Every structure is written in C-alpha cells, then in structure tokens.
C-alpha cells in the first residue's frame, strides 16, 4: 500500500471516491474548496494499492487550547470491498500527525469504511474518537 497527499492530477479520482461519501458534492464546489483550503487548512491523502486509489482521507491540522496541535480527519472513505485496508490508513495518519508535530489525532465527521476495530488506541471524544500521540 502506498500513501501520499494527492497531487493536482490525482484530485479527480479523489473527488470520485469522496462523492460516494458526500453525493451532494459537486466538482465545482470541491475544486473551489481545495483551491481555497489546500494546503493550509485541508489536505487530501490517498491510499493506493497497485496504482489504484482505494481510500481517501481529507485531513486538517489545527491548534487550540484544549488539544494543542492536532490532526483532524474530516473525511474518510473507502471503496466497497476495501474496508479491510482502513487500519493501515489510520496507522499512516498517526505517523503523518507525528511528522507534523501533532499531539493527537481526531477522527470525526462523516466516515465510510472504517470500524471501531480500526481505531485501536482511540477513545470516544464528543462526536468522534481521539488518540493521544
């Protein structure tokens, strides 16, 4: 499995997968959002197997008084049949958060293809799950 931030040319396939989670999302709205938010406030990350995108995660690095610097998983979606790869993506996101000196990882919002078993070491937090790093 290969993990990376999606390049400009890969955003089309990221959008296609993301619309299985957010069917109301238009390509115009996605393009406008990415243009205004990337890379400061939103980063599209993909998990590829044999060159094909299998998982899309939209993440944000934030900072507040309660959690300090933390990574939020805003969107998480897998293609049907690829749910078994979710734990690997979560492990990558933990490493990604550490690389950017985050103190925690927060999974919240709309998710598809992730189970509680994939969130080993996480605990419930408001509308999601958190792992201290």
Protein backbone atom coordinates (compact mmCIF):
# COMPACT_ATOMS: atom_id res chain seq x y z
CA UNK A 1 0.00 0.00 0.00
CA UNK A 2 1.29 3.45 -0.87
CA UNK A 3 0.13 6.57 0.99
CA UNK A 4 0.54 10.17 -0.18
CA UNK A 5 -1.03 13.58 -0.46
CA UNK A 6 -2.93 13.69 -3.71
CA UNK A 7 -1.32 15.71 -6.47
CA UNK A 8 -3.34 18.11 -8.59
CA UNK A 9 -3.72 15.43 -11.28
CA UNK A 10 -4.97 12.88 -8.71
CA UNK A 11 -7.71 15.11 -7.31
CA UNK A 12 -10.18 13.91 -9.95
CA UNK A 13 -10.02 10.33 -8.65
CA UNK A 14 -10.09 11.65 -5.06
CA UNK A 15 -13.27 13.57 -5.89
CA UNK A 16 -14.84 10.47 -7.46
CA UNK A 17 -14.27 8.46 -4.28
CA UNK A 18 -15.30 11.33 -1.99
CA UNK A 19 -18.67 11.63 -3.75
CA UNK A 20 -19.54 8.10 -2.57
CA UNK A 21 -19.42 9.62 0.94
CA UNK A 22 -20.80 13.05 0.01
CA UNK A 23 -23.09 12.55 -3.03
CA UNK A 24 -24.27 16.17 -2.89
CA UNK A 25 -20.72 17.45 -3.53
CA UNK A 26 -20.20 18.98 -6.97
CA UNK A 27 -16.88 19.12 -8.77
CA UNK A 28 -17.10 22.92 -8.79
CA UNK A 29 -17.59 23.06 -5.01
CA UNK A 30 -14.75 20.56 -4.47
CA UNK A 31 -12.38 22.48 -6.74
CA UNK A 32 -13.23 25.78 -5.05
CA UNK A 33 -12.74 24.23 -1.61
CA UNK A 34 -9.40 22.65 -2.47
CA UNK A 35 -8.18 25.86 -4.10
CA UNK A 36 -9.02 27.95 -1.05
CA UNK A 37 -8.07 25.45 1.67
CA UNK A 38 -5.06 23.44 0.41
CA UNK A 39 -2.51 23.00 1.95
CA UNK A 40 -3.04 25.31 4.93
CA UNK A 41 -6.41 24.04 6.12
CA UNK A 42 -7.20 20.80 4.26
CA UNK A 43 -5.03 18.07 2.77
CA UNK A 44 -6.32 15.23 0.58
CA UNK A 45 -4.49 11.98 1.31
CA UNK A 46 -4.86 8.76 -0.61
CA UNK A 47 -4.04 5.11 -0.07
CA UNK A 48 -3.12 3.35 -3.30
CA UNK A 49 -2.92 -0.36 -3.99
CA UNK A 50 -1.49 -1.48 -7.32
CA UNK A 51 -1.70 2.12 -8.55
CA UNK A 52 -5.43 2.47 -7.79
CA UNK A 53 -6.86 4.83 -5.18
CA UNK A 54 -8.63 2.73 -2.52
CA UNK A 55 -9.03 5.17 0.40
CA UNK A 56 -9.43 8.94 0.56
CA UNK A 57 -8.89 10.92 3.75
CA UNK A 58 -9.30 14.67 3.97
CA UNK A 59 -7.33 15.97 6.95
CA UNK A 60 -6.71 19.29 8.67
CA UNK A 61 -4.01 20.37 11.06
CA UNK A 62 -5.47 22.60 13.75
CA UNK A 63 -4.42 24.07 17.04
CA UNK A 64 -6.45 25.07 20.08
CA UNK A 65 -6.05 25.49 23.81
CA UNK A 66 -7.62 22.13 24.71
CA UNK A 67 -5.71 19.81 22.36
CA UNK A 68 -2.77 21.89 21.24
CA UNK A 69 -1.68 21.00 17.69
CA UNK A 70 -3.76 18.11 16.36
CA UNK A 71 -4.75 16.38 13.13
CA UNK A 72 -8.44 16.08 12.31
CA UNK A 73 -9.74 13.50 9.85
CA UNK A 74 -12.62 15.40 8.25
CA UNK A 75 -13.44 12.83 5.55
CA UNK A 76 -12.61 9.13 5.39
CA UNK A 77 -13.97 6.87 2.67
CA UNK A 78 -13.02 3.55 1.11
CA UNK A 79 -14.27 1.83 -1.98
CA UNK A 80 -16.61 -1.03 -1.18
CA UNK A 81 -14.56 -4.15 -0.55
CA UNK A 82 -11.50 -2.19 0.63
CA UNK A 83 -12.64 -1.65 4.21
CA UNK A 84 -10.01 -4.15 5.39
CA UNK A 85 -7.32 -1.60 4.42
CA UNK A 86 -8.66 1.13 6.75
CA UNK A 87 -6.43 0.25 9.70
CA UNK A 88 -3.32 0.72 7.55
CA UNK A 89 -4.55 4.17 6.55
CA UNK A 90 -5.24 5.07 10.20
CA UNK A 91 -1.71 3.93 11.10
CA UNK A 92 -0.35 6.13 8.32
CA UNK A 93 -2.39 9.10 9.56
CA UNK A 94 -0.95 8.61 13.06
CA UNK A 95 2.56 8.77 11.55
CA UNK A 96 1.54 11.77 9.42
CA UNK A 97 0.28 13.58 12.54
CA UNK A 98 3.55 12.87 14.33
CA UNK A 99 5.53 14.12 11.33
CA UNK A 100 3.70 17.45 11.62
CA UNK A 101 4.27 17.55 15.40
CA UNK A 102 0.64 16.99 16.33
CA UNK A 103 -0.17 15.86 19.86
CA UNK A 104 -3.32 13.95 18.91
CA UNK A 105 -5.39 12.56 16.05
CA UNK A 106 -9.13 13.19 15.99
CA UNK A 107 -11.43 11.14 13.75
CA UNK A 108 -14.83 12.79 13.44
CA UNK A 109 -17.38 13.89 10.89
CA UNK A 110 -18.61 11.74 8.08
CA UNK A 111 -16.80 8.42 7.62
CA UNK A 112 -17.37 5.34 5.46
CA UNK A 113 -15.43 2.10 5.51
CA UNK A 114 -13.93 2.48 8.96
CA UNK A 115 -14.89 0.45 12.01
CA UNK A 116 -14.24 0.75 15.72
CA UNK A 117 -11.70 -2.10 15.36
CA UNK A 118 -9.64 0.15 13.07
CA UNK A 119 -9.37 2.72 15.87
CA UNK A 120 -7.22 0.76 18.29
CA UNK A 121 -5.85 3.07 20.97
CA UNK A 122 -8.53 5.70 20.35
CA UNK A 123 -11.14 6.77 22.90
CA UNK A 124 -14.52 8.45 22.39
CA UNK A 125 -14.44 12.26 22.26
CA UNK A 126 -17.61 14.27 21.64
CA UNK A 127 -18.64 13.45 18.06
CA UNK A 128 -15.68 11.24 17.25
CA UNK A 129 -12.63 9.40 18.53
CA UNK A 130 -9.25 10.69 19.67
CA UNK A 131 -5.80 9.20 20.06
CA UNK A 132 -3.13 11.00 22.03
CA UNK A 133 0.30 10.71 20.41
